[in-house]
Amino acid sequence: MLRHYRSLMPMAQEAGKPIFHLKPGDGALGSHSAAVRDAYDEFKALAFRVAQGAGVGHYD
């Protein structure tokens, strides 16, 4: 289950990049910066889990 990251979505749309690639120059400051790191970790874990379930590659 992923969080909705509601506060990051408008920044990501404005910057034209995924929420987990936002930088301070895009407006991801303070607690938003921490949310960006959390989003990166959550999406990475999800991607690895999907790949594992699909039998694609070997990921550690």
Protein backbone atom coordinates (compact mmCIF):
# COMPACT_ATOMS: atom_id res chain seq x y z
CA MET A 1 0.00 0.00 0.00
CA LEU A 2 1.44 3.35 -1.03
CA ARG A 3 0.67 6.66 0.61
CA HIS A 4 -1.04 9.23 -1.59
CA TYR A 5 1.69 11.90 -1.25
CA ARG A 6 -0.96 14.51 -1.89
CA SER A 7 1.30 17.45 -1.03
CA LEU A 8 3.98 16.34 -3.51
CA MET A 9 1.74 15.71 -6.51
CA PRO A 10 1.25 19.37 -7.51
CA MET A 11 5.02 19.95 -7.25
CA ALA A 12 5.73 16.91 -9.40
CA GLN A 13 3.21 17.99 -12.02
CA GLU A 14 4.67 21.50 -12.14
CA ALA A 15 8.23 20.16 -12.39
CA GLY A 16 7.23 17.48 -14.91
CA LYS A 17 8.94 14.69 -13.00
CA PRO A 18 8.04 11.80 -10.68
CA ILE A 19 7.49 12.69 -7.04
CA PHE A 20 10.52 10.65 -6.00
CA HIS A 21 12.81 12.81 -8.18
CA LEU A 22 11.79 16.19 -6.74
CA LYS A 23 14.59 18.46 -5.55
CA PRO A 24 14.63 21.57 -3.33
CA GLY A 25 14.63 23.70 -6.50
CA ASP A 26 11.24 22.16 -7.33
CA GLY A 27 9.88 23.22 -3.94
CA ALA A 28 10.56 20.02 -1.97
CA LEU A 29 11.90 21.65 1.18
CA GLY A 30 11.78 20.61 4.84
CA SER A 31 9.20 17.92 5.49
CA HIS A 32 8.54 17.66 1.76
CA SER A 33 12.15 16.61 1.28
CA ALA A 34 11.69 13.79 3.76
CA ALA A 35 8.47 12.76 1.98
CA VAL A 36 10.39 12.61 -1.32
CA ARG A 37 12.92 10.21 0.25
CA ASP A 38 10.07 8.11 1.68
CA ALA A 39 8.35 8.03 -1.72
CA TYR A 40 11.58 6.90 -3.39
CA ASP A 41 12.01 4.07 -0.89
CA GLU A 42 8.38 2.96 -1.19
CA PHE A 43 8.32 3.00 -5.00
CA LYS A 44 11.66 1.16 -5.14
CA ALA A 45 10.36 -1.55 -2.80
CA LEU A 46 7.19 -1.84 -4.87
CA ALA A 47 9.15 -2.13 -8.13
CA PHE A 48 11.36 -4.86 -6.67
CA ARG A 49 8.32 -6.74 -5.40
CA VAL A 50 6.58 -6.55 -8.78
CA ALA A 51 9.76 -7.70 -10.56
CA GLN A 52 10.18 -10.56 -8.12
CA GLY A 53 6.55 -11.63 -8.57
CA ALA A 54 6.95 -11.49 -12.34
CA GLY A 55 10.15 -13.52 -12.18
CA VAL A 56 12.15 -10.75 -13.82
CA GLY A 57 15.84 -10.73 -12.93
CA HIS A 58 17.40 -11.25 -9.54
CA TYR A 59 17.32 -8.23 -7.23
CA ASP A 60 18.87 -7.86 -3.80
